[in-house]
Amino acid sequence: MHNYQIINIHGKLYKVKRILKTTSIKMIEGWSDVLRTLYHADIIFKRGEEIYICETIDDINYDPIP
């Protein structure tokens, strides 16, 4: 089982697949598409000097505990 960080942005939940430093990425044309494909991600956020590669959580499957 993987332990992913879950973040909430404007009421939507995202599973963080990877956090990278902006200095470690050469931001050439098409770099975001490559990262989305490589990490099977939906969206990329930038906060300060970090880039968050995330997957959108649309529905949470759970079983209630009696």
C-alpha atoms as a PDB file:
ATOM      1  CA  MET A   1       0.000   0.000   0.000  1.00  0.00           C
ATOM      2  CA  HIS A   2       1.258   3.476  -0.864  1.00  0.00           C
ATOM      3  CA  ASN A   3       0.935   6.422   1.466  1.00  0.00           C
ATOM      4  CA  TYR A   4       0.050   9.405  -0.677  1.00  0.00           C
ATOM      5  CA  GLN A   5      -0.431  12.929   0.573  1.00  0.00           C
ATOM      6  CA  ILE A   6      -3.961  14.291   0.004  1.00  0.00           C
ATOM      7  CA  ILE A   7      -4.384  18.032  -0.524  1.00  0.00           C
ATOM      8  CA  ASN A   8      -7.536  20.151  -0.653  1.00  0.00           C
ATOM      9  CA  ILE A   9      -7.568  23.052  -3.104  1.00  0.00           C
ATOM     10  CA  HIS A  10     -10.745  25.121  -3.439  1.00  0.00           C
ATOM     11  CA  GLY A  11     -12.897  22.264  -2.118  1.00  0.00           C
ATOM     12  CA  LYS A  12     -11.437  19.584  -4.434  1.00  0.00           C
ATOM     13  CA  LEU A  13      -9.273  16.700  -3.282  1.00  0.00           C
ATOM     14  CA  TYR A  14      -6.037  15.724  -5.030  1.00  0.00           C
ATOM     15  CA  LYS A  15      -3.685  12.809  -4.443  1.00  0.00           C
ATOM     16  CA  VAL A  16      -0.078  14.022  -4.655  1.00  0.00           C
ATOM     17  CA  LYS A  17       1.921  11.604  -6.797  1.00  0.00           C
ATOM     18  CA  ARG A  18       5.225  13.480  -6.692  1.00  0.00           C
ATOM     19  CA  ILE A  19       6.736  16.748  -5.442  1.00  0.00           C
ATOM     20  CA  LEU A  20       9.665  18.113  -7.428  1.00  0.00           C
ATOM     21  CA  LYS A  21      11.836  21.200  -7.081  1.00  0.00           C
ATOM     22  CA  THR A  22      11.526  23.671  -9.957  1.00  0.00           C
ATOM     23  CA  THR A  23      15.321  23.743 -10.203  1.00  0.00           C
ATOM     24  CA  SER A  24      15.401  20.015 -11.024  1.00  0.00           C
ATOM     25  CA  ILE A  25      13.162  20.370 -14.104  1.00  0.00           C
ATOM     26  CA  LYS A  26      14.170  21.883 -17.407  1.00  0.00           C
ATOM     27  CA  MET A  27      10.920  23.583 -18.369  1.00  0.00           C
ATOM     28  CA  ILE A  28      10.990  23.281 -22.141  1.00  0.00           C
ATOM     29  CA  GLU A  29       7.912  23.214 -24.351  1.00  0.00           C
ATOM     30  CA  GLY A  30       5.724  20.225 -23.486  1.00  0.00           C
ATOM     31  CA  TRP A  31       7.373  19.445 -20.126  1.00  0.00           C
ATOM     32  CA  SER A  32       4.037  19.347 -18.274  1.00  0.00           C
ATOM     33  CA  ASP A  33       2.554  16.820 -20.713  1.00  0.00           C
ATOM     34  CA  VAL A  34       5.589  14.580 -20.242  1.00  0.00           C
ATOM     35  CA  LEU A  35       5.257  14.693 -16.441  1.00  0.00           C
ATOM     36  CA  ARG A  36       1.497  13.990 -16.591  1.00  0.00           C
ATOM     37  CA  THR A  37       2.127  10.941 -18.772  1.00  0.00           C
ATOM     38  CA  LEU A  38       5.098   9.697 -16.748  1.00  0.00           C
ATOM     39  CA  TYR A  39       3.307   9.874 -13.380  1.00  0.00           C
ATOM     40  CA  HIS A  40      -0.244   9.095 -14.623  1.00  0.00           C
ATOM     41  CA  ALA A  41      -1.401  12.485 -13.314  1.00  0.00           C
ATOM     42  CA  ASP A  42      -4.271  14.806 -14.165  1.00  0.00           C
ATOM     43  CA  ILE A  43      -2.977  18.166 -13.008  1.00  0.00           C
ATOM     44  CA  ILE A  44       0.211  19.963 -11.998  1.00  0.00           C
ATOM     45  CA  PHE A  45       0.389  22.738  -9.391  1.00  0.00           C
ATOM     46  CA  LYS A  46       3.243  25.096  -8.623  1.00  0.00           C
ATOM     47  CA  ARG A  47       3.704  26.489  -5.126  1.00  0.00           C
ATOM     48  CA  GLY A  48       6.804  28.518  -4.457  1.00  0.00           C
ATOM     49  CA  GLU A  49       9.797  26.505  -5.622  1.00  0.00           C
ATOM     50  CA  GLU A  50       7.921  23.179  -5.691  1.00  0.00           C
ATOM     51  CA  ILE A  51       5.841  21.466  -8.364  1.00  0.00           C
ATOM     52  CA  TYR A  52       3.066  19.124  -7.233  1.00  0.00           C
ATOM     53  CA  ILE A  53       2.104  16.376  -9.673  1.00  0.00           C
ATOM     54  CA  CYS A  54      -1.394  15.256  -8.703  1.00  0.00           C
ATOM     55  CA  GLU A  55      -4.322  13.023  -9.550  1.00  0.00           C
ATOM     56  CA  THR A  56      -7.873  14.284  -9.023  1.00  0.00           C
ATOM     57  CA  ILE A  57      -9.986  12.343  -6.515  1.00  0.00           C
ATOM     58  CA  ASP A  58     -13.486  12.260  -7.979  1.00  0.00           C
ATOM     59  CA  ASP A  59     -15.162   9.684  -5.765  1.00  0.00           C
ATOM     60  CA  ILE A  60     -14.136   8.042  -2.521  1.00  0.00           C
ATOM     61  CA  ASN A  61     -15.028   4.366  -2.160  1.00  0.00           C
ATOM     62  CA  TYR A  62     -15.497   3.307   1.436  1.00  0.00           C
ATOM     63  CA  ASP A  63     -17.367   0.836   3.597  1.00  0.00           C
ATOM     64  CA  PRO A  64     -19.025   2.242   6.716  1.00  0.00           C
ATOM     65  CA  ILE A  65     -17.859   0.703   9.983  1.00  0.00           C
ATOM     66  CA  PRO A  66     -20.769  -0.386  12.170  1.00  0.00           C
END
